Protein backbone atom coordinates (compact mmCIF):
# COMPACT_ATOMS: atom_id res chain seq x y z
CA UNK A 1 13.71 -12.92 9.50
CA UNK A 2 10.19 -12.87 8.04
CA UNK A 3 7.28 -10.99 9.54
CA UNK A 4 3.55 -11.00 8.79
CA UNK A 5 0.19 -11.52 10.46
CA UNK A 6 -0.37 -15.17 9.49
CA UNK A 7 1.95 -17.54 11.31
CA UNK A 8 0.78 -20.52 9.25
CA UNK A 9 1.90 -18.88 6.00
CA UNK A 10 5.19 -17.85 7.57
CA UNK A 11 5.89 -21.42 8.74
CA UNK A 12 5.14 -22.70 5.24
CA UNK A 13 7.51 -20.18 3.67
CA UNK A 14 10.28 -20.92 6.17
CA UNK A 15 9.93 -24.64 5.39
CA UNK A 16 10.25 -23.96 1.67
CA UNK A 17 13.35 -21.82 2.21
CA UNK A 18 14.98 -24.45 4.38
CA UNK A 19 14.10 -27.20 1.91
CA UNK A 20 15.96 -25.20 -0.75
CA UNK A 21 19.04 -25.03 1.45
CA UNK A 22 18.47 -21.57 2.91
CA UNK A 23 18.06 -20.33 6.46
CA UNK A 24 15.07 -18.40 7.75
CA UNK A 25 12.99 -17.74 10.81
CA UNK A 26 9.86 -15.67 11.44
CA UNK A 27 8.19 -13.38 13.92
CA UNK A 28 4.45 -12.80 13.78
CA UNK A 29 3.49 -9.14 13.53
CA UNK A 30 0.87 -6.68 12.28
CA UNK A 31 2.47 -3.72 10.50
CA UNK A 32 -0.36 -1.43 11.61
CA UNK A 33 0.77 -1.88 15.22
CA UNK A 34 3.89 0.08 16.04
CA UNK A 35 4.76 -2.16 18.98
CA UNK A 36 4.60 -5.26 16.76
CA UNK A 37 7.06 -3.80 14.27
CA UNK A 38 9.42 -2.70 17.05
CA UNK A 39 9.29 -6.20 18.55
CA UNK A 40 10.05 -7.67 15.13
CA UNK A 41 13.21 -5.56 14.80
CA UNK A 42 14.24 -6.45 18.37
CA UNK A 43 13.76 -10.16 17.59
CA UNK A 44 15.85 -9.90 14.41
CA UNK A 45 18.67 -8.14 16.24
CA UNK A 46 18.59 -10.69 19.06
CA UNK A 47 18.60 -13.62 16.63
CA UNK A 48 21.29 -12.36 14.24
CA UNK A 49 23.18 -9.77 16.28
CA UNK A 50 22.53 -6.96 13.78
CA UNK A 51 20.11 -5.70 11.15
CA UNK A 52 21.41 -5.19 7.62
CA UNK A 53 18.29 -4.73 5.49
CA UNK A 54 14.68 -3.84 6.26
CA UNK A 55 12.13 -4.52 3.51
CA UNK A 56 8.75 -2.80 3.79
CA UNK A 57 6.60 -5.10 1.68
CA UNK A 58 3.13 -5.21 3.27
CA UNK A 59 0.34 -3.64 1.23
CA UNK A 60 -3.40 -3.73 0.60
CA UNK A 61 -5.34 -2.42 -2.39
CA UNK A 62 -9.11 -2.33 -1.76
CA UNK A 63 -9.57 -0.05 -4.77
CA UNK A 64 -12.95 1.42 -5.75
CA UNK A 65 -14.46 4.60 -7.22
CA UNK A 66 -14.33 7.46 -4.75
CA UNK A 67 -18.13 7.75 -5.06
CA UNK A 68 -18.42 4.39 -3.31
CA UNK A 69 -17.26 6.20 -0.15
CA UNK A 70 -15.56 3.11 1.21
CA UNK A 71 -13.93 5.08 4.01
CA UNK A 72 -12.96 1.94 5.94
CA UNK A 73 -11.00 0.77 2.88
CA UNK A 74 -9.31 4.16 2.60
CA UNK A 75 -8.26 3.94 6.24
CA UNK A 76 -6.92 0.41 5.72
CA UNK A 77 -4.74 1.58 2.83
CA UNK A 78 -3.37 4.46 4.88
CA UNK A 79 -2.73 2.20 7.89
CA UNK A 80 -0.97 -0.57 5.97
CA UNK A 81 0.58 1.24 3.01
CA UNK A 82 1.81 4.37 4.78
CA UNK A 83 1.82 3.88 8.55
CA UNK A 84 3.20 0.36 8.25
CA UNK A 85 6.40 1.41 6.42
CA UNK A 86 6.75 4.42 8.70
CA UNK A 87 6.65 2.13 11.74
CA UNK A 88 9.31 0.00 10.05
CA UNK A 89 11.50 3.03 9.49
CA UNK A 90 10.98 4.16 13.08
CA UNK A 91 12.00 0.74 14.39
CA UNK A 92 14.99 0.08 12.12
CA UNK A 93 16.53 3.53 11.66
CA UNK A 94 18.01 3.81 15.19
CA UNK A 95 19.61 0.38 14.72
CA UNK A 96 21.09 1.41 11.37
CA UNK A 97 22.41 4.64 12.89
CA UNK A 98 24.15 2.75 15.70
CA UNK A 99 25.68 0.30 13.22
CA UNK A 100 26.57 3.06 10.76
CA UNK A 101 25.14 0.82 8.03
CA UNK A 102 21.78 -0.43 6.82
CA UNK A 103 19.47 -0.57 3.83
CA UNK A 104 15.77 0.23 3.55
CA UNK A 105 13.86 -1.31 0.62
CA UNK A 106 10.34 0.06 0.23
CA UNK A 107 7.90 -1.69 -2.11
CA UNK A 108 5.72 0.86 -3.89
CA UNK A 109 3.69 0.34 -7.09
CA UNK A 110 3.42 1.49 -10.68
CA UNK A 111 -0.06 2.64 -9.59
CA UNK A 112 1.71 5.54 -7.94
CA UNK A 113 3.27 6.55 -11.26
CA UNK A 114 0.17 6.51 -13.47
CA UNK A 115 -3.15 7.37 -11.80
CA UNK A 116 -6.20 5.47 -13.06
CA UNK A 117 -9.89 5.44 -12.12
CA UNK A 118 -10.76 3.50 -8.92
CA UNK A 119 -7.14 3.76 -7.74
CA UNK A 120 -6.97 7.31 -6.38
CA UNK A 121 -6.49 6.47 -2.70
CA UNK A 122 -4.25 3.46 -3.34
CA UNK A 123 -2.12 5.51 -5.75
CA UNK A 124 -2.05 8.32 -3.21
CA UNK A 125 -0.68 5.96 -0.57
CA UNK A 126 2.07 4.86 -2.94
CA UNK A 127 2.89 8.42 -3.99
CA UNK A 128 3.12 9.33 -0.32
CA UNK A 129 5.61 6.52 0.26
CA UNK A 130 7.61 7.62 -2.80
CA UNK A 131 7.97 11.08 -1.22
CA UNK A 132 8.83 9.59 2.18
CA UNK A 133 11.35 7.20 0.64
CA UNK A 134 13.10 9.97 -1.28
CA UNK A 135 13.16 12.19 1.77
CA UNK A 136 14.63 9.37 3.82
CA UNK A 137 17.27 8.79 1.15
CA UNK A 138 18.30 12.42 1.19
CA UNK A 139 18.52 12.49 4.98
CA UNK A 140 20.28 9.13 5.36
CA UNK A 141 23.82 10.34 4.76
CA UNK A 142 26.73 8.31 3.40
CA UNK A 143 26.29 5.21 5.58
CA UNK A 144 22.71 4.14 4.77
CA UNK A 145 21.04 3.09 1.54
CA UNK A 146 17.40 3.53 0.52
CA UNK A 147 15.70 1.84 -2.43
CA UNK A 148 12.16 2.22 -3.81
CA UNK A 149 10.87 -0.64 -5.96
CA UNK A 150 7.66 -0.12 -7.94
CA UNK A 151 6.19 -3.37 -9.28
CA UNK A 152 3.45 -3.59 -11.86
CA UNK A 153 1.10 -6.58 -11.94
CA UNK A 154 2.56 -9.42 -9.86
CA UNK A 155 1.04 -12.78 -9.02
CA UNK A 156 0.03 -12.07 -5.43
CA UNK A 157 -3.11 -12.10 -3.32
CA UNK A 158 -3.44 -8.33 -3.51
CA UNK A 159 -6.80 -8.56 -5.29
CA UNK A 160 -8.23 -10.41 -2.27
CA UNK A 161 -8.47 -7.09 -0.43
CA UNK A 162 -10.64 -5.43 -3.11
CA UNK A 163 -14.26 -5.02 -1.98
CA UNK A 164 -15.66 -3.47 -5.17
CA UNK A 165 -16.78 -6.36 -7.40
CA UNK A 166 -16.03 -4.68 -10.75
CA UNK A 167 -12.60 -3.46 -9.66
CA UNK A 168 -11.75 -6.87 -8.26
CA UNK A 169 -12.79 -8.67 -11.46
CA UNK A 170 -10.77 -6.25 -13.59
CA UNK A 171 -7.67 -6.64 -11.42
CA UNK A 172 -7.92 -10.43 -11.35
CA UNK A 173 -8.32 -10.50 -15.14
CA UNK A 174 -5.21 -8.38 -15.64
CA UNK A 175 -3.22 -10.51 -13.20
CA UNK A 176 -4.26 -13.69 -14.98
CA UNK A 177 -3.35 -12.29 -18.38
CA UNK A 178 0.04 -10.72 -17.69
CA UNK A 179 1.23 -10.76 -14.08
CA UNK A 180 4.89 -11.59 -13.46
CA UNK A 181 5.99 -13.96 -10.71
CA UNK A 182 7.10 -12.69 -7.27
CA UNK A 183 10.62 -14.08 -7.70
CA UNK A 184 11.27 -11.35 -10.28
CA UNK A 185 10.71 -8.74 -7.57
CA UNK A 186 12.92 -10.71 -5.19
CA UNK A 187 15.69 -10.62 -7.79
CA UNK A 188 15.37 -6.84 -8.02
CA UNK A 189 15.62 -6.52 -4.25
CA UNK A 190 18.69 -8.75 -4.24
CA UNK A 191 20.26 -6.67 -7.03
CA UNK A 192 19.87 -3.50 -4.98
CA UNK A 193 21.21 -5.13 -1.82
CA UNK A 194 24.21 -6.71 -3.53
CA UNK A 195 25.67 -3.45 -4.81
CA UNK A 196 29.02 -2.38 -3.32
CA UNK A 197 29.03 -0.18 -0.24
CA UNK A 198 28.53 3.43 -1.26
CA UNK A 199 26.35 2.51 -4.25
CA UNK A 200 22.62 3.22 -3.87
CA UNK A 201 20.05 1.86 -6.32
CA UNK A 202 17.51 4.56 -5.53
CA UNK A 203 14.51 3.45 -7.60
CA UNK A 204 13.51 0.49 -9.73
CA UNK A 205 10.34 0.09 -11.80
CA UNK A 206 9.41 -3.45 -12.84
CA UNK A 207 6.33 -4.30 -14.87
CA UNK A 208 5.21 -6.99 -17.31
CA UNK A 209 6.13 -6.10 -20.88
CA UNK A 210 2.40 -6.36 -21.71
CA UNK A 211 1.42 -3.75 -19.11
CA UNK A 212 0.58 -0.33 -20.54
């Protein structure tokens, strides 16, 4: 079950999965709306009868110097990068508790490990989710698993959300020069999921070898 705001992109992705011999469906949602995320989990449970894994993947990175005072961008990062995963946890955790099994995978960023200019708020959102993810892991008990995955530069549309021209140009340049493909991150998620019951891959950091 795939969820995102753009139904056209979801349909395209489902078609590609099915063409490759897989099975997928989608439910349109906005992660900044708690009711949307709850409805997504309900739809997944209705369609498949249970919920085994919940991946919090949505993120925006409208980075800029703090002096730019782009408060709207700061709010967007908090809403998507922190509140979005929290809404996912709130929706999926009761299901996992009832099943006595389940796996959260939270996508963070290497930006939360090394703080650089223009990235203070974005890095702060990722550091916040690292703390939340670790706290969730410690509270989950023996039946649930929790994994944090911190990618470096990946070929995504993340730079599209950047409103500062210099920061956007720098990010796009770095992505063009060294970004890894999204399937590498998918493989890491699959690796964590495929571990035997009782084995928790708590944190994975994946970056291009060229990334400092």
